[in-house]
Structure formats: C-alpha cells, structure tokens
C-alpha atoms as a PDB file:
ATOM      1  CA  MET A   1      -7.087  35.641  43.042  1.00  0.00           C
ATOM      2  CA  PRO A   2      -5.151  38.216  40.958  1.00  0.00           C
ATOM      3  CA  VAL A   3      -1.671  37.458  40.062  1.00  0.00           C
ATOM      4  CA  PRO A   4       0.524  40.074  41.231  1.00  0.00           C
ATOM      5  CA  PRO A   5       2.418  42.006  38.681  1.00  0.00           C
ATOM      6  CA  ILE A   6       6.018  41.266  37.419  1.00  0.00           C
ATOM      7  CA  THR A   7       8.666  44.178  38.706  1.00  0.00           C
ATOM      8  CA  ILE A   8      11.536  44.926  36.496  1.00  0.00           C
ATOM      9  CA  THR A   9      13.607  47.999  38.333  1.00  0.00           C
ATOM     10  CA  ALA A  10      16.742  49.260  38.569  1.00  0.00           C
ATOM     11  CA  GLU A  11      18.659  48.755  42.098  1.00  0.00           C
ATOM     12  CA  PHE A  12      21.240  51.339  43.629  1.00  0.00           C
ATOM     13  CA  SER A  13      23.814  48.988  43.037  1.00  0.00           C
ATOM     14  CA  GLY A  14      23.489  49.173  39.261  1.00  0.00           C
ATOM     15  CA  SER A  15      21.790  45.927  38.533  1.00  0.00           C
ATOM     16  CA  VAL A  16      18.448  45.430  37.087  1.00  0.00           C
ATOM     17  CA  VAL A  17      15.998  42.851  38.818  1.00  0.00           C
ATOM     18  CA  ALA A  18      12.946  41.119  37.832  1.00  0.00           C
ATOM     19  CA  LYS A  19      10.871  39.837  40.598  1.00  0.00           C
ATOM     20  CA  GLY A  20       7.270  37.931  40.827  1.00  0.00           C
ATOM     21  CA  ALA A  21       8.166  35.588  37.761  1.00  0.00           C
ATOM     22  CA  THR A  22       7.270  32.472  39.989  1.00  0.00           C
ATOM     23  CA  ASP A  23       6.164  30.161  36.985  1.00  0.00           C
ATOM     24  CA  ASP A  24       8.381  28.438  34.357  1.00  0.00           C
ATOM     25  CA  LEU A  25       6.880  30.399  31.352  1.00  0.00           C
ATOM     26  CA  SER A  26       7.431  33.945  32.867  1.00  0.00           C
ATOM     27  CA  ALA A  27      10.948  32.826  33.763  1.00  0.00           C
ATOM     28  CA  SER A  28      11.738  31.125  30.305  1.00  0.00           C
ATOM     29  CA  LEU A  29      10.685  34.705  28.761  1.00  0.00           C
ATOM     30  CA  LEU A  30      13.191  36.440  30.992  1.00  0.00           C
ATOM     31  CA  LYS A  31      16.166  34.137  30.314  1.00  0.00           C
ATOM     32  CA  HIS A  32      15.401  34.456  26.816  1.00  0.00           C
ATOM     33  CA  ALA A  33      15.437  38.107  27.156  1.00  0.00           C
ATOM     34  CA  GLY A  34      18.883  38.082  28.667  1.00  0.00           C
ATOM     35  CA  PHE A  35      18.290  38.000  32.480  1.00  0.00           C
ATOM     36  CA  GLN A  36      20.320  35.331  34.614  1.00  0.00           C
ATOM     37  CA  GLN A  37      17.929  33.308  36.736  1.00  0.00           C
ATOM     38  CA  ILE A  38      19.061  33.124  40.423  1.00  0.00           C
ATOM     39  CA  ASP A  39      17.457  30.326  42.846  1.00  0.00           C
ATOM     40  CA  ASP A  40      18.340  30.836  46.577  1.00  0.00           C
ATOM     41  CA  TRP A  41      16.597  31.299  50.264  1.00  0.00           C
ATOM     42  CA  TYR A  42      15.257  34.430  48.802  1.00  0.00           C
ATOM     43  CA  GLY A  43      13.348  32.392  45.950  1.00  0.00           C
ATOM     44  CA  ARG A  44      13.385  32.794  41.994  1.00  0.00           C
ATOM     45  CA  ARG A  45      14.142  35.928  40.761  1.00  0.00           C
ATOM     46  CA  HIS A  46      16.110  37.348  37.694  1.00  0.00           C
ATOM     47  CA  ARG A  47      18.918  39.981  37.429  1.00  0.00           C
ATOM     48  CA  LEU A  48      21.220  41.521  34.685  1.00  0.00           C
ATOM     49  CA  PRO A  49      24.996  42.013  35.874  1.00  0.00           C
ATOM     50  CA  THR A  50      26.020  45.438  37.196  1.00  0.00           C
ATOM     51  CA  THR A  51      28.537  45.374  34.564  1.00  0.00           C
ATOM     52  CA  THR A  52      25.811  45.350  31.843  1.00  0.00           C
ATOM     53  CA  PRO A  53      26.022  48.567  29.742  1.00  0.00           C
ATOM     54  CA  VAL A  54      23.351  51.172  30.648  1.00  0.00           C
ATOM     55  CA  ALA A  55      21.957  51.137  26.848  1.00  0.00           C
ATOM     56  CA  ASP A  56      21.747  47.226  26.942  1.00  0.00           C
ATOM     57  CA  LYS A  57      19.849  47.159  30.393  1.00  0.00           C
ATOM     58  CA  VAL A  58      17.124  49.573  28.927  1.00  0.00           C
ATOM     59  CA  ALA A  59      16.868  47.311  25.794  1.00  0.00           C
ATOM     60  CA  ILE A  60      16.724  43.934  27.585  1.00  0.00           C
ATOM     61  CA  ALA A  61      14.445  45.088  30.315  1.00  0.00           C
ATOM     62  CA  SER A  62      12.096  46.742  27.685  1.00  0.00           C
ATOM     63  CA  HIS A  63      12.247  43.490  25.332  1.00  0.00           C
ATOM     64  CA  ALA A  64      11.322  41.592  28.579  1.00  0.00           C
ATOM     65  CA  ALA A  65       8.352  43.472  29.427  1.00  0.00           C
ATOM     66  CA  GLU A  66       6.981  43.363  25.878  1.00  0.00           C
ATOM     67  CA  MET A  67       7.333  39.578  26.018  1.00  0.00           C
ATOM     68  CA  LEU A  68       5.862  39.253  29.048  1.00  0.00           C
ATOM     69  CA  ARG A  69       2.687  41.468  28.185  1.00  0.00           C
ATOM     70  CA  ALA A  70       1.948  39.821  25.138  1.00  0.00           C
ATOM     71  CA  ALA A  71       2.133  36.406  27.022  1.00  0.00           C
ATOM     72  CA  ARG A  72      -0.931  38.239  29.411  1.00  0.00           C
ATOM     73  CA  TYR A  73       1.368  38.974  32.268  1.00  0.00           C
ATOM     74  CA  SER A  74       1.225  42.254  34.201  1.00  0.00           C
ATOM     75  CA  VAL A  75       4.207  43.918  34.367  1.00  0.00           C
ATOM     76  CA  ASP A  76       5.360  46.928  36.095  1.00  0.00           C
ATOM     77  CA  LEU A  77       8.441  48.636  34.395  1.00  0.00           C
ATOM     78  CA  SER A  78      10.454  51.253  35.894  1.00  0.00           C
ATOM     79  CA  PRO A  79      10.360  54.448  33.832  1.00  0.00           C
ATOM     80  CA  ALA A  80      14.088  54.519  33.519  1.00  0.00           C
ATOM     81  CA  LEU A  81      14.062  51.318  31.680  1.00  0.00           C
ATOM     82  CA  ASP A  82      11.438  51.976  29.487  1.00  0.00           C
ATOM     83  CA  THR A  83      12.703  52.816  25.660  1.00  0.00           C
ATOM     84  CA  ALA A  84       9.274  53.966  24.731  1.00  0.00           C
ATOM     85  CA  ARG A  85       9.685  56.727  27.604  1.00  0.00           C
ATOM     86  CA  MET A  86      13.183  57.228  27.163  1.00  0.00           C
ATOM     87  CA  SER A  87      13.411  58.494  23.365  1.00  0.00           C
ATOM     88  CA  PRO A  88      14.438  61.728  22.947  1.00  0.00           C
ATOM     89  CA  PRO A  89      12.668  64.202  20.713  1.00  0.00           C
ATOM     90  CA  ALA A  90      14.616  64.551  17.379  1.00  0.00           C
ATOM     91  CA  HIS A  91      16.117  68.115  17.090  1.00  0.00           C
ATOM     92  CA  PRO A  92      16.008  69.751  13.651  1.00  0.00           C
ATOM     93  CA  LEU A  93      19.674  70.654  14.095  1.00  0.00           C
ATOM     94  CA  GLY A  94      20.920  67.435  15.259  1.00  0.00           C
ATOM     95  CA  PRO A  95      23.531  67.846  18.063  1.00  0.00           C
ATOM     96  CA  TYR A  96      23.160  71.642  18.057  1.00  0.00           C
ATOM     97  CA  THR A  97      20.056  71.823  20.694  1.00  0.00           C
ATOM     98  CA  ALA A  98      20.879  75.301  21.789  1.00  0.00           C
ATOM     99  CA  GLY A  99      20.566  76.478  18.105  1.00  0.00           C
ATOM    100  CA  ALA A 100      17.300  74.488  17.966  1.00  0.00           C
ATOM    101  CA  GLU A 101      15.776  76.124  21.039  1.00  0.00           C
ATOM    102  CA  LEU A 102      16.887  79.259  19.585  1.00  0.00           C
ATOM    103  CA  LEU A 103      14.802  78.562  16.530  1.00  0.00           C
ATOM    104  CA  GLN A 104      11.608  77.795  18.411  1.00  0.00           C
ATOM    105  CA  ILE A 105      12.081  81.288  20.253  1.00  0.00           C
ATOM    106  CA  THR A 106      12.517  82.837  16.582  1.00  0.00           C
ATOM    107  CA  ASP A 107       9.083  81.310  15.564  1.00  0.00           C
ATOM    108  CA  ARG A 108       7.299  82.692  18.930  1.00  0.00           C
ATOM    109  CA  ILE A 109       8.453  85.880  17.805  1.00  0.00           C
ATOM    110  CA  ARG A 110       7.208  85.797  14.554  1.00  0.00           C
ATOM    111  CA  ALA A 111       3.854  84.103  15.540  1.00  0.00           C
ATOM    112  CA  ALA A 112       3.057  86.881  18.212  1.00  0.00           C
ATOM    113  CA  GLU A 113      -0.015  88.660  17.815  1.00  0.00           C
ATOM    114  CA  ASN A 114       0.254  91.415  20.289  1.00  0.00           C
ATOM    115  CA  GLY A 115       2.750  93.395  22.292  1.00  0.00           C
ATOM    116  CA  SER A 116       2.381  91.012  25.364  1.00  0.00           C
ATOM    117  CA  ASP A 117       3.038  87.847  23.179  1.00  0.00           C
ATOM    118  CA  LEU A 118       5.911  89.427  21.816  1.00  0.00           C
ATOM    119  CA  GLN A 119       7.423  90.407  25.231  1.00  0.00           C
ATOM    120  CA  ARG A 120       7.274  86.989  26.406  1.00  0.00           C
ATOM    121  CA  ALA A 121       8.819  85.471  23.319  1.00  0.00           C
ATOM    122  CA  VAL A 122      11.595  88.167  23.529  1.00  0.00           C
ATOM    123  CA  ASP A 123      11.919  87.770  27.281  1.00  0.00           C
ATOM    124  CA  HIS A 124      13.875  84.193  26.649  1.00  0.00           C
ATOM    125  CA  LEU A 125      16.470  86.139  25.054  1.00  0.00           C
ATOM    126  CA  LEU A 126      16.851  89.362  27.143  1.00  0.00           C
ATOM    127  CA  HIS A 127      16.175  88.156  30.691  1.00  0.00           C
ATOM    128  CA  PRO A 128      19.153  89.495  32.750  1.00  0.00           C
ATOM    129  CA  GLU A 129      19.739  86.106  34.296  1.00  0.00           C
ATOM    130  CA  HIS A 130      18.587  83.562  32.529  1.00  0.00           C
ATOM    131  CA  GLY A 131      18.194  84.850  28.790  1.00  0.00           C
ATOM    132  CA  ALA A 132      20.028  83.584  25.746  1.00  0.00           C
ATOM    133  CA  LEU A 133      22.153  86.526  25.534  1.00  0.00           C
ATOM    134  CA  GLU A 134      23.584  86.373  28.858  1.00  0.00           C
ATOM    135  CA  ARG A 135      24.381  82.608  28.454  1.00  0.00           C
ATOM    136  CA  VAL A 136      26.217  83.652  25.064  1.00  0.00           C
ATOM    137  CA  ARG A 137      28.246  86.464  26.772  1.00  0.00           C
ATOM    138  CA  GLU A 138      29.163  83.841  29.654  1.00  0.00           C
ATOM    139  CA  ALA A 139      30.139  81.257  27.010  1.00  0.00           C
ATOM    140  CA  LEU A 140      32.273  83.588  25.039  1.00  0.00           C
ATOM    141  CA  GLU A 141      33.878  85.023  27.998  1.00  0.00           C
ATOM    142  CA  ALA A 142      34.728  81.641  29.670  1.00  0.00           C
ATOM    143  CA  ALA A 143      36.089  80.299  26.090  1.00  0.00           C
ATOM    144  CA  GLY A 144      38.481  83.496  26.324  1.00  0.00           C
ATOM    145  CA  GLU A 145      39.674  82.388  29.817  1.00  0.00           C
ATOM    146  CA  GLN A 146      40.135  78.863  28.862  1.00  0.00           C
ATOM    147  CA  ILE A 147      42.168  79.627  25.700  1.00  0.00           C
ATOM    148  CA  ASN A 148      44.325  81.767  28.171  1.00  0.00           C
ATOM    149  CA  ASP A 149      44.616  78.871  30.698  1.00  0.00           C
ATOM    150  CA  LEU A 150      45.611  76.299  28.114  1.00  0.00           C
ATOM    151  CA  ASP A 151      47.678  78.518  26.073  1.00  0.00           C
ATOM    152  CA  ASP A 152      48.920  81.626  27.211  1.00  0.00           C
ATOM    153  CA  GLU A 153      50.644  82.471  23.844  1.00  0.00           C
ATOM    154  CA  LEU A 154      47.528  82.668  22.089  1.00  0.00           C
ATOM    155  CA  TYR A 155      46.511  85.827  23.771  1.00  0.00           C
ATOM    156  CA  ALA A 156      45.407  87.641  20.808  1.00  0.00           C
ATOM    157  CA  LEU A 157      42.645  84.758  20.405  1.00  0.00           C
ATOM    158  CA  ALA A 158      41.571  85.108  23.882  1.00  0.00           C
ATOM    159  CA  ASP A 159      41.107  88.548  23.402  1.00  0.00           C
ATOM    160  CA  ARG A 160      39.221  88.410  20.434  1.00  0.00           C
ATOM    161  CA  PHE A 161      36.498  86.050  22.312  1.00  0.00           C
ATOM    162  CA  GLY A 162      36.604  88.614  25.207  1.00  0.00           C
ATOM    163  CA  PHE A 163      36.052  91.402  22.566  1.00  0.00           C
ATOM    164  CA  ALA A 164      32.939  89.494  21.255  1.00  0.00           C
ATOM    165  CA  SER A 165      31.687  88.906  24.825  1.00  0.00           C
ATOM    166  CA  GLU A 166      31.713  92.666  25.459  1.00  0.00           C
ATOM    167  CA  PHE A 167      29.688  93.336  22.027  1.00  0.00           C
ATOM    168  CA  VAL A 168      27.003  91.046  23.612  1.00  0.00           C
ATOM    169  CA  SER A 169      27.333  93.054  26.671  1.00  0.00           C
ATOM    170  CA  SER A 170      26.914  96.170  24.933  1.00  0.00           C
ATOM    171  CA  ALA A 171      23.674  94.758  22.773  1.00  0.00           C
ATOM    172  CA  GLN A 172      22.177  94.006  26.523  1.00  0.00           C
ATOM    173  CA  SER A 173      22.568  97.389  27.671  1.00  0.00           C
ATOM    174  CA  GLU A 174      21.122  99.003  24.453  1.00  0.00           C
ATOM    175  CA  LEU A 175      17.980  96.904  24.913  1.00  0.00           C
ATOM    176  CA  ILE A 176      17.644  97.362  28.756  1.00  0.00           C
ATOM    177  CA  GLY A 177      14.007  98.361  29.383  1.00  0.00           C
ATOM    178  CA  ALA A 178      12.851  97.124  26.112  1.00  0.00           C
ATOM    179  CA  GLU A 179      10.337  94.754  27.732  1.00  0.00           C
ATOM    180  CA  ALA A 180       7.815  97.493  28.892  1.00  0.00           C
ATOM    181  CA  GLU A 181       8.049  99.181  25.487  1.00  0.00           C
ATOM    182  CA  LEU A 182       7.624  95.677  23.758  1.00  0.00           C
ATOM    183  CA  ARG A 183       4.235  95.280  25.747  1.00  0.00           C
ATOM    184  CA  ARG A 184       3.000  98.114  24.062  1.00  0.00           C
ATOM    185  CA  VAL A 185       3.762  97.310  20.668  1.00  0.00           C
ATOM    186  CA  GLY A 186       0.605  98.020  18.471  1.00  0.00           C
ATOM    187  CA  ASP A 187      -1.375  99.948  21.026  1.00  0.00           C
ATOM    188  CA  ALA A 188      -1.277 103.046  18.952  1.00  0.00           C
ATOM    189  CA  GLN A 189      -2.327 101.459  16.261  1.00  0.00           C
ATOM    190  CA  GLN A 190      -5.424  99.692  17.523  1.00  0.00           C
ATOM    191  CA  GLY A 191      -8.663 101.364  15.981  1.00  0.00           C
ATOM    192  CA  ARG A 192      -6.583 103.106  13.153  1.00  0.00           C
ATOM    193  CA  PRO A 193      -6.314 100.605  10.374  1.00  0.00           C
ATOM    194  CA  GLY A 194      -4.307 101.846   7.411  1.00  0.00           C
ATOM    195  CA  THR A 195      -2.404 104.683   9.450  1.00  0.00           C
ATOM    196  CA  ARG A 196       1.348 104.946   9.349  1.00  0.00           C
ATOM    197  CA  SER A 197       3.540 106.090  12.236  1.00  0.00           C
ATOM    198  CA  PRO A 198       4.552 109.846  11.652  1.00  0.00           C
ATOM    199  CA  LYS A 199       8.012 109.112  12.314  1.00  0.00           C
ATOM    200  CA  LEU A 200       7.626 106.234   9.771  1.00  0.00           C
ATOM    201  CA  THR A 201       6.275 108.852   7.132  1.00  0.00           C
ATOM    202  CA  GLU A 202       8.794 111.494   7.835  1.00  0.00           C
ATOM    203  CA  HIS A 203      11.973 109.124   7.681  1.00  0.00           C
ATOM    204  CA  ARG A 204      10.528 107.650   4.350  1.00  0.00           C
ATOM    205  CA  GLY A 205       9.965 111.300   2.979  1.00  0.00           C
ATOM    206  CA  ALA A 206      13.502 112.173   3.707  1.00  0.00           C
ATOM    207  CA  ALA A 207      14.635 108.981   2.019  1.00  0.00           C
ATOM    208  CA  LEU A 208      12.756 109.964  -1.257  1.00  0.00           C
ATOM    209  CA  ALA A 209      14.118 113.414  -1.067  1.00  0.00           C
ATOM    210  CA  THR A 210      17.442 112.347  -0.875  1.00  0.00           C
ATOM    211  CA  SER A 211      17.300 109.370  -3.585  1.00  0.00           C
ATOM    212  CA  PRO A 212      19.043 109.675  -6.832  1.00  0.00           C
ATOM    213  CA  ALA A 213      16.094 110.249  -8.804  1.00  0.00           C
ATOM    214  CA  ALA A 214      14.723 113.437  -6.405  1.00  0.00           C
ATOM    215  CA  ALA A 215      18.387 114.678  -7.068  1.00  0.00           C
ATOM    216  CA  LYS A 216      18.187 114.146 -10.604  1.00  0.00           C
ATOM    217  CA  ALA A 217      14.685 115.935 -10.687  1.00  0.00           C
ATOM    218  CA  LYS A 218      16.076 118.892  -8.721  1.00  0.00           C
ATOM    219  CA  VAL A 219      19.011 119.511 -11.241  1.00  0.00           C
ATOM    220  CA  THR A 220      17.302 118.875 -14.655  1.00  0.00           C
ATOM    221  CA  PRO A 221      15.119 122.177 -14.442  1.00  0.00           C
ATOM    222  CA  VAL A 222      18.275 124.072 -14.394  1.00  0.00           C
ATOM    223  CA  LEU A 223      19.308 123.036 -17.806  1.00  0.00           C
ATOM    224  CA  GLY A 224      16.300 124.953 -19.266  1.00  0.00           C
ATOM    225  CA  GLY A 225      14.930 128.617 -19.281  1.00  0.00           C
ATOM    226  CA  GLU A 226      17.699 131.059 -17.853  1.00  0.00           C
ATOM    227  CA  ALA A 227      20.448 128.438 -17.715  1.00  0.00           C
ATOM    228  CA  ALA A 228      19.834 127.686 -21.261  1.00  0.00           C
ATOM    229  CA  ARG A 229      20.154 131.185 -22.578  1.00  0.00           C
ATOM    230  CA  SER A 230      23.099 131.748 -20.579  1.00  0.00           C
ATOM    231  CA  SER A 231      24.851 128.647 -21.990  1.00  0.00           C
ATOM    232  CA  ALA A 232      23.972 130.070 -25.582  1.00  0.00           C
ATOM    233  CA  ALA A 233      25.551 133.439 -24.668  1.00  0.00           C
ATOM    234  CA  VAL A 234      28.805 132.083 -23.748  1.00  0.00           C
ATOM    235  CA  ARG A 235      29.133 129.423 -26.724  1.00  0.00           C
ATOM    236  CA  PRO A 236      31.849 130.353 -28.981  1.00  0.00           C
ATOM    237  CA  PRO A 237      30.853 131.844 -32.612  1.00  0.00           C
ATOM    238  CA  SER A 238      30.878 129.676 -35.341  1.00  0.00           C
ATOM    239  CA  ALA A 239      34.311 129.660 -37.680  1.00  0.00           C
ATOM    240  CA  PRO A 240      33.554 131.683 -40.635  1.00  0.00           C
ATOM    241  CA  GLY A 241      33.529 129.851 -43.962  1.00  0.00           C
ATOM    242  CA  PRO A 242      36.444 130.106 -46.763  1.00  0.00           C
ATOM    243  CA  ARG A 243      36.378 133.374 -48.714  1.00  0.00           C
ATOM    244  CA  ARG A 244      35.599 133.323 -52.348  1.00  0.00           C
END
C-alpha cells in the first residue's frame, strides 16, 4: 500500500504546516529542519510559527523537503515555499530592472531581420498605452507633481521634470504612424541587391558638394589662367636699381 506524501503548505494564517509525517524518522527530520511538533486530537503535525520571517519559512520548508526526499519520502511542497522555483533571474543591471528590459528591446531591434520583426520590437517603445515612452512620460510628469506636493518652493525643479515630460510627448507625436511604415522597411530593396535609395544618393552628393575639399577644388582653378595674368598686371613694378 503506497504511503501518502508529506505535504508542506502555507496557510492563510501565515504559518507553514507539514502533514503526513506519522513515523519517528520523518518527524525527526522535520524537527531538525526547524519545525515545531504538535500532538493533539488532530494527530501529529509540524508547524512554523506565524512570526517566522517569510525568507526563513521558505528556507526551512525547502530544506525539510530536501532531507525527506533524500530519505525516500514522497514530499508535496507548495511552489510558494520552493526556493528552486522562487529564485529570480539575475538582471545584468542589478536593481535597474527597467533598464535591463529596455536593453532586451534594443537587442530585439538590432536582431530584426525584416520590417515586421522591427515593427514588433519597436512597438514595445511606441505603444500609445503600454509602451516604454508612455511610461517614461508618466513617470517624469509624476515626479514633477510630487516635487510640488512635497516642497512648493522647488517649483523650478518641478518645471524641469514637466518640460522633460513634454519633450517625451513631442517624441511620441513625431513617431505617430511609424508602425505602418516600419512594416514596409526593406520592401523596396528586395530583389535589388546593391542598390541605394535615390534620396540617400542625392543627400550624399549634396554633402560631398558642400565639403571643404569640394569648395577648395572650386576656388583653386580661379587662381590660374585669366586670374594669374590679371594678378601679374596689377603687380607693382620692381624698384629701379641704384644709378652708377
């Protein structure tokens, strides 16, 4: 006949209870982990006091489950008390989790292989309700309002946060409708490898025409030909030598 598992769960009262440890070995392992044994008309059970810190509850319950399983007991441990399931992933920026998530968005943008991939990645920034820009705008606006509430003499600092919030809002307005255009990125270049956008070629041509080297090349020929002869014509005559 199979032995029922030992269950370790957290109750609504805040205490952690282990039930099913009916023999001395399992009871001894639970007491060794830190549980208090209770024997009353409900039978034998083990409990952690409600005043036990949450971190200690998780550590004690997980340790008890490890020892019981090592002794060949079947253990049903609540996920909320399992350190293996509660370990949070390490963030590359430590406590700056928002910055770490934005780094992931940046990586997705750089890894986009077509316009649709790019649009889906950028949507995490531009979504009008849940995008990162909207959250940043709200946070800056809230910071300015909170400064005014805490110290109305620092109105200049509060205004700076308000202005920054408006700048973000302007950036959002500038990018309205960009999602549809992002999906078309690369479509014009498909099937035409090595071609460049006419606007890009025109822009580069204009930049080269106005470069310092180009300006110098335009001026230099003027110094030859007619300009050189004109320069010689207006050159003052050489001073006569001394008379003998």
